[in-house]
Structure formats: structure tokens, C-alpha cells
Amino acid sequence: MRRLTTLASMLTGAIIAVSAVAQVQAAGGGFVTASLENGQSIFRNGKGDVPACMSCHEEDAMGNDNLGTPRLAGQVVEFIVKQLEDFATDRRAGIGAGVVMPIFAKQLTSEDRRDVAAYVSSLAHDPKISATGSSNLKALREAGVTVGDPAQGLRIVSFGVSERDIPACRSCHDYNGRGVEPIYPMIGQQKYVYLVNQLTNWRDGSRNNDPLEQMQKVARKMTDEDIHNAAAFLTGASPYTLGNYRRPERHVSVRGK
């Protein structure tokens, strides 16, 4: 019971911290609008010296394991906005940010970053479609990549590891990591290599732009095996709860126009 109370307190603090960002974006109590047309143009064609986002994230925004790039399609829009702003202001820099993202983000305006975020978030919300973007674990294993055990990963995602005080991933990221607007990103059906890299970066501190250091605190308790197992399960995890073929309604502060 004490562990649950502590986790609840931590989550409440995170909601206050991150919601402040969303409230600024939605000043006046309404929605901030974003140009999906401009976002699509930047994603597909680039802008100025910034190349097309799809050159690394793929045409369908599903990411690329070979490049270590994440799936952006269907991601929580506020989360993408925050990451792009963090890239642009060096709050997310170094190994955990890749080499190029801070450079590119700084060359886009705040409106551009919001437009791109809204565009990629609008893609592939149908879980039956987005599941095709999951990583091919067999191919990765054959290519020499260390791949974890999805069955063991299910335990971590759903229940955590109580003996090492690791909370369940779903306690923040919802069922099978399907994400919770406006705070917690979708980590289910995310690219395997990206998940492993980011959990490793959280653990060693090379990525540290998480509110209240939530992810760093969790990742520090995870072994390499834990990370590989959790990532192996998450990349193929269904966002549907058993017997329920509907997902929670999306609540977003940024709408496309």
C-alpha cells in the first residue's frame, strides 16, 4: 500500500508539472490550432535547411529500427510538442537526443514544431493499421540485435517488479503502453531499438528531460534484461483491453485545421 501511495503522489506532481505546459499551449481555455497542411509539408519536404522528417522516420511516420528512430504516427501530440521544444532549447541534448534533432528543431518556428506534431499525431490512430509498424523481432534477432522475451516483458509492463520497486509501465502509460494525453506518451507499438535506447539513456542520465525525473528513477532500477524484455513486449502490444475493441477517447489541447 505504501508503494502505491508513493507512486500516486509522484504521478500527481507530474500531472501538475506537465499540464502547465499544456495549459500554456491552450491559453484561454480553448484549443490551440495547428496547420496540418504545413506540418505535412515539413514532414514530407522539409523546410529550408531542415530535411524531410520522413527521411529518417519513414513515409508513414512509423520509425526505423535500423536508424534507431521512433514511431511518431499516432503519438500523443502534446508529448511531441514538448520534445521538439526541448530539442530547440537544449533541454534534450546529447546522446539521448541523437545528433541532428536539436539542430533541426532550432531551425523551425514554434508554430512549425506544433504543426509537425499535430500532423504526425493525426496519422494511424486505427490500432489495426498502426500494428503494422511494430518491430520485426525475428529479423532483428537474425541481424544480431539482442532481443528480449515478450512474455517476461508483459510482467514488467503490467505488474512491475515489486522486489526491486519497479512500478508497472501501465501505471503511467496506460494499458499496454497506449499512452495518456497530455502527459504520458504511447510506448506500445513503438520501435524496439528506440525503446531499448531510450530506457538505457534514461538509466545512465544521457536523457534527462523527464518531469520529476520519473523515467530516470524507474530506469535506474532496470537491468539490461528488464529493458530488452519490456521493449520486446511493448513493440507488439495491442492497445485493446481483453474483450473491449474500443479505446479511450482522445483528449488533446492541439487540434489540426
Protein backbone atom coordinates (compact mmCIF):
# COMPACT_ATOMS: atom_id res chain seq x y z
CA MET A 1 0.00 0.00 0.00
CA ARG A 2 2.86 2.37 0.78
CA ARG A 3 4.36 1.77 -2.67
CA LEU A 4 1.05 2.62 -4.36
CA THR A 5 0.66 5.76 -2.30
CA THR A 6 4.16 6.92 -3.19
CA LEU A 7 3.55 6.28 -6.87
CA ALA A 8 0.24 8.14 -6.75
CA SER A 9 1.93 11.16 -5.17
CA MET A 10 4.64 11.12 -7.81
CA LEU A 11 2.06 10.93 -10.59
CA THR A 12 0.08 13.83 -9.16
CA GLY A 13 3.20 16.01 -9.18
CA ALA A 14 3.94 15.04 -12.76
CA ILE A 15 0.41 15.89 -13.87
CA ILE A 16 0.72 19.38 -12.39
CA ALA A 17 4.16 19.92 -13.94
CA VAL A 18 3.31 18.76 -17.45
CA SER A 19 -0.24 20.11 -17.51
CA ALA A 20 1.19 23.58 -17.07
CA VAL A 21 2.81 23.18 -20.46
CA ALA A 22 -0.47 22.03 -22.00
CA GLN A 23 -2.37 24.93 -20.41
CA VAL A 24 0.06 27.42 -21.88
CA GLN A 25 -0.50 25.84 -25.27
CA ALA A 26 -4.24 26.06 -24.74
CA ALA A 27 -4.31 29.55 -23.24
CA GLY A 28 -7.78 30.99 -22.77
CA GLY A 29 -9.30 27.63 -22.02
CA GLY A 30 -9.71 26.64 -25.67
CA PHE A 31 -7.76 24.60 -28.16
CA VAL A 32 -4.63 25.73 -29.92
CA THR A 33 -4.99 25.10 -33.63
CA ALA A 34 -2.24 23.78 -35.84
CA SER A 35 -1.86 23.67 -39.61
CA LEU A 36 -1.84 20.06 -40.72
CA GLU A 37 -1.01 21.25 -44.22
CA ASN A 38 2.15 22.98 -43.04
CA GLY A 39 3.02 20.03 -40.81
CA GLN A 40 2.62 17.62 -43.69
CA SER A 41 4.78 19.82 -45.94
CA ILE A 42 7.61 19.93 -43.41
CA PHE A 43 7.33 16.21 -42.70
CA ARG A 44 7.41 15.28 -46.38
CA ASN A 45 9.52 18.03 -47.93
CA GLY A 46 11.44 19.72 -45.12
CA LYS A 47 11.83 23.46 -44.75
CA GLY A 48 14.93 25.48 -45.60
CA ASP A 49 17.96 23.56 -44.36
CA VAL A 50 15.76 21.16 -42.42
CA PRO A 51 15.32 17.91 -44.39
CA ALA A 52 12.06 16.00 -44.62
CA CYS A 53 11.24 14.29 -41.33
CA MET A 54 10.23 11.19 -43.26
CA SER A 55 13.80 10.70 -44.46
CA CYS A 56 14.51 9.21 -41.02
CA HIS A 57 11.06 8.47 -39.60
CA GLU A 58 9.73 6.82 -42.79
CA GLU A 59 6.94 7.99 -45.07
CA ASP A 60 4.26 6.59 -42.76
CA ALA A 61 5.98 8.06 -39.65
CA MET A 62 6.32 4.55 -38.22
CA GLY A 63 10.04 4.88 -37.48
CA ASN A 64 13.03 2.77 -38.48
CA ASP A 65 14.85 0.22 -36.32
CA ASN A 66 17.97 0.39 -38.47
CA LEU A 67 18.26 4.13 -37.81
CA GLY A 68 17.02 3.91 -34.24
CA THR A 69 14.25 6.42 -34.98
CA PRO A 70 10.90 6.28 -33.16
CA ARG A 71 7.41 5.84 -34.45
CA LEU A 72 5.69 9.24 -34.44
CA ALA A 73 2.39 8.25 -36.04
CA GLY A 74 -0.46 8.47 -33.56
CA GLN A 75 1.81 9.68 -30.76
CA VAL A 76 0.42 11.98 -28.05
CA VAL A 77 0.57 15.42 -29.69
CA GLU A 78 1.48 17.34 -26.54
CA PHE A 79 4.36 14.96 -25.94
CA ILE A 80 5.76 15.55 -29.44
CA VAL A 81 5.43 19.31 -28.99
CA LYS A 82 7.34 19.10 -25.71
CA GLN A 83 10.13 17.00 -27.22
CA LEU A 84 10.58 19.38 -30.17
CA GLU A 85 10.64 22.37 -27.81
CA ASP A 86 13.15 20.56 -25.61
CA PHE A 87 15.34 19.86 -28.65
CA ALA A 88 15.13 23.51 -29.69
CA THR A 89 16.09 24.80 -26.24
CA ASP A 90 18.76 22.17 -25.44
CA ARG A 91 16.72 20.67 -22.62
CA ARG A 92 17.02 17.44 -24.55
CA ALA A 93 20.50 17.19 -25.98
CA GLY A 94 23.45 14.84 -26.18
CA ILE A 95 23.33 11.10 -26.77
CA GLY A 96 19.71 10.76 -25.72
CA ALA A 97 18.65 13.27 -28.37
CA GLY A 98 20.58 11.99 -31.31
CA VAL A 99 22.94 14.23 -33.21
CA VAL A 100 20.61 16.05 -35.55
CA MET A 101 17.29 16.67 -33.80
CA PRO A 102 18.40 19.72 -31.77
CA ILE A 103 19.91 21.26 -34.93
CA PHE A 104 16.74 20.74 -36.95
CA ALA A 105 14.31 21.80 -34.21
CA LYS A 106 16.09 25.11 -33.72
CA GLN A 107 15.55 25.98 -37.38
CA LEU A 108 11.78 25.61 -37.09
CA THR A 109 9.45 28.13 -35.50
CA SER A 110 7.27 27.21 -32.53
CA GLU A 111 4.32 27.14 -34.93
CA ASP A 112 6.20 24.81 -37.28
CA ARG A 113 7.01 22.44 -34.45
CA ARG A 114 3.39 22.41 -33.33
CA ASP A 115 2.19 21.86 -36.90
CA VAL A 116 4.50 18.88 -37.44
CA ALA A 117 3.48 17.40 -34.10
CA ALA A 118 -0.21 17.72 -34.93
CA TYR A 119 0.29 16.18 -38.35
CA VAL A 120 2.17 13.07 -37.26
CA SER A 121 -0.13 12.61 -34.29
CA SER A 122 -3.09 12.54 -36.68
CA LEU A 123 -1.67 9.52 -38.54
CA ALA A 124 -2.54 5.86 -37.99
CA HIS A 125 -4.84 6.01 -34.99
CA ASP A 126 -6.51 2.78 -36.06
CA PRO A 127 -4.71 0.11 -33.99
CA LYS A 128 -5.24 -2.46 -36.74
CA ILE A 129 -3.27 -0.22 -39.08
CA SER A 130 -0.67 1.00 -36.63
CA ALA A 131 0.19 -2.54 -35.57
CA THR A 132 1.92 -2.97 -38.91
CA GLY A 133 4.57 -0.55 -37.69
CA SER A 134 5.68 -2.83 -34.86
CA SER A 135 9.25 -4.07 -34.98
CA ASN A 136 10.08 -7.43 -36.57
CA LEU A 137 11.79 -9.09 -33.62
CA LYS A 138 12.75 -12.17 -35.61
CA ALA A 139 14.54 -10.08 -38.24
CA LEU A 140 16.30 -8.04 -35.55
CA ARG A 141 17.46 -11.20 -33.80
CA GLU A 142 18.76 -12.64 -37.05
CA ALA A 143 20.64 -9.38 -37.64
CA GLY A 144 22.48 -9.83 -34.34
CA VAL A 145 20.40 -7.48 -32.18
CA THR A 146 19.81 -8.62 -28.60
CA VAL A 147 16.08 -9.22 -28.32
CA GLY A 148 14.27 -9.82 -25.07
CA ASP A 149 11.44 -12.17 -24.10
CA PRO A 150 8.00 -10.60 -24.68
CA ALA A 151 6.40 -12.92 -22.08
CA GLN A 152 8.76 -11.63 -19.39
CA GLY A 153 8.20 -8.10 -20.65
CA LEU A 154 4.46 -8.48 -20.14
CA ARG A 155 5.11 -8.97 -16.43
CA ILE A 156 7.08 -5.73 -16.18
CA VAL A 157 4.62 -3.69 -18.25
CA SER A 158 1.55 -4.99 -16.43
CA PHE A 159 2.76 -5.60 -12.89
CA GLY A 160 6.25 -4.16 -12.48
CA VAL A 161 8.94 -5.90 -10.42
CA SER A 162 7.92 -5.49 -6.80
CA GLU A 163 11.09 -6.97 -5.32
CA ARG A 164 13.11 -4.17 -6.94
CA ASP A 165 10.45 -1.48 -6.55
CA ILE A 166 9.93 -1.10 -10.32
CA PRO A 167 6.37 0.12 -10.99
CA ALA A 168 4.29 -1.27 -13.82
CA CYS A 169 4.71 0.68 -17.06
CA ARG A 170 0.93 0.76 -17.40
CA SER A 171 0.58 2.73 -14.15
CA CYS A 172 1.62 5.81 -16.14
CA HIS A 173 1.35 4.82 -19.81
CA ASP A 174 -1.99 3.00 -19.51
CA TYR A 175 -2.87 -0.47 -20.75
CA ASN A 176 -0.04 -1.99 -22.79
CA GLY A 177 1.56 1.44 -23.06
CA ARG A 178 -1.14 3.01 -25.24
CA GLY A 179 -0.43 6.47 -23.78
CA VAL A 180 -2.36 9.07 -21.80
CA GLU A 181 -2.90 12.60 -23.10
CA PRO A 182 -1.48 15.09 -22.41
CA ILE A 183 1.29 13.66 -20.27
CA TYR A 184 2.45 10.15 -21.00
CA PRO A 185 3.49 9.08 -24.49
CA MET A 186 2.40 5.98 -26.34
CA ILE A 187 5.12 3.38 -25.86
CA GLY A 188 3.11 0.39 -27.05
CA GLN A 189 3.74 -0.46 -30.73
CA GLN A 190 6.83 1.72 -30.58
CA LYS A 191 10.05 0.65 -32.33
CA TYR A 192 12.07 -1.89 -30.35
CA VAL A 193 15.50 -0.34 -30.90
CA TYR A 194 14.24 3.10 -29.91
CA LEU A 195 12.64 1.76 -26.72
CA VAL A 196 15.84 -0.03 -25.70
CA ASN A 197 17.99 3.01 -26.47
CA GLN A 198 15.77 5.43 -24.56
CA LEU A 199 15.44 3.22 -21.48
CA THR A 200 19.21 2.85 -21.48
CA ASN A 201 19.63 6.61 -21.86
CA TRP A 202 17.21 7.30 -19.03
CA ARG A 203 19.17 4.86 -16.86
CA ASP A 204 22.59 6.42 -17.46
CA GLY A 205 21.28 10.01 -17.42
CA SER A 206 22.18 10.88 -21.01
CA ARG A 207 18.49 11.67 -21.43
CA ASN A 208 17.10 13.72 -18.56
CA ASN A 209 14.18 15.82 -19.78
CA ASP A 210 11.52 13.83 -17.93
CA PRO A 211 9.24 15.65 -15.45
CA LEU A 212 10.28 14.96 -11.85
CA GLU A 213 12.90 12.51 -13.19
CA GLN A 214 10.19 9.85 -13.29
CA MET A 215 11.71 7.79 -16.08
CA GLN A 216 15.24 8.13 -14.76
CA LYS A 217 14.18 6.84 -11.35
CA VAL A 218 12.45 3.84 -12.89
CA ALA A 219 15.14 3.01 -15.45
CA ARG A 220 17.93 3.09 -12.86
CA LYS A 221 16.35 0.03 -11.26
CA MET A 222 16.14 -1.91 -14.52
CA THR A 223 18.72 -4.41 -15.72
CA ASP A 224 19.64 -4.85 -19.38
CA GLU A 225 17.43 -7.94 -19.37
CA ASP A 226 14.50 -5.95 -17.97
CA ILE A 227 14.90 -3.32 -20.67
CA HIS A 228 15.10 -5.84 -23.50
CA ASN A 229 12.13 -7.80 -22.18
CA ALA A 230 9.89 -4.76 -21.68
CA ALA A 231 10.75 -3.40 -25.13
CA ALA A 232 10.12 -6.79 -26.76
CA PHE A 233 6.63 -6.92 -25.32
CA LEU A 234 5.74 -3.28 -25.90
CA THR A 235 6.62 -3.17 -29.59
CA GLY A 236 3.92 -5.72 -30.37
CA ALA A 237 1.46 -4.90 -27.60
CA SER A 238 -2.18 -4.45 -28.53
CA PRO A 239 -3.85 -1.28 -27.25
CA TYR A 240 -7.14 -3.16 -26.82
CA THR A 241 -8.12 -4.50 -23.42
CA LEU A 242 -9.38 -8.06 -23.39
CA GLY A 243 -12.90 -8.23 -24.83
CA ASN A 244 -13.07 -4.49 -25.49
CA TYR A 245 -12.47 -3.25 -29.02
CA ARG A 246 -12.76 0.42 -28.19
CA ARG A 247 -10.05 2.71 -26.91
CA PRO A 248 -10.43 5.66 -24.51
CA GLU A 249 -11.41 8.93 -26.19
CA ARG A 250 -8.53 11.22 -27.03
CA HIS A 251 -8.30 14.48 -25.11
CA VAL A 252 -5.91 16.86 -26.82
CA SER A 253 -5.11 20.57 -26.49
CA VAL A 254 -3.80 20.91 -30.07
CA ARG A 255 -6.20 20.45 -32.94
CA GLY A 256 -5.43 20.41 -36.63
CA LYS A 257 -7.00 22.78 -39.09
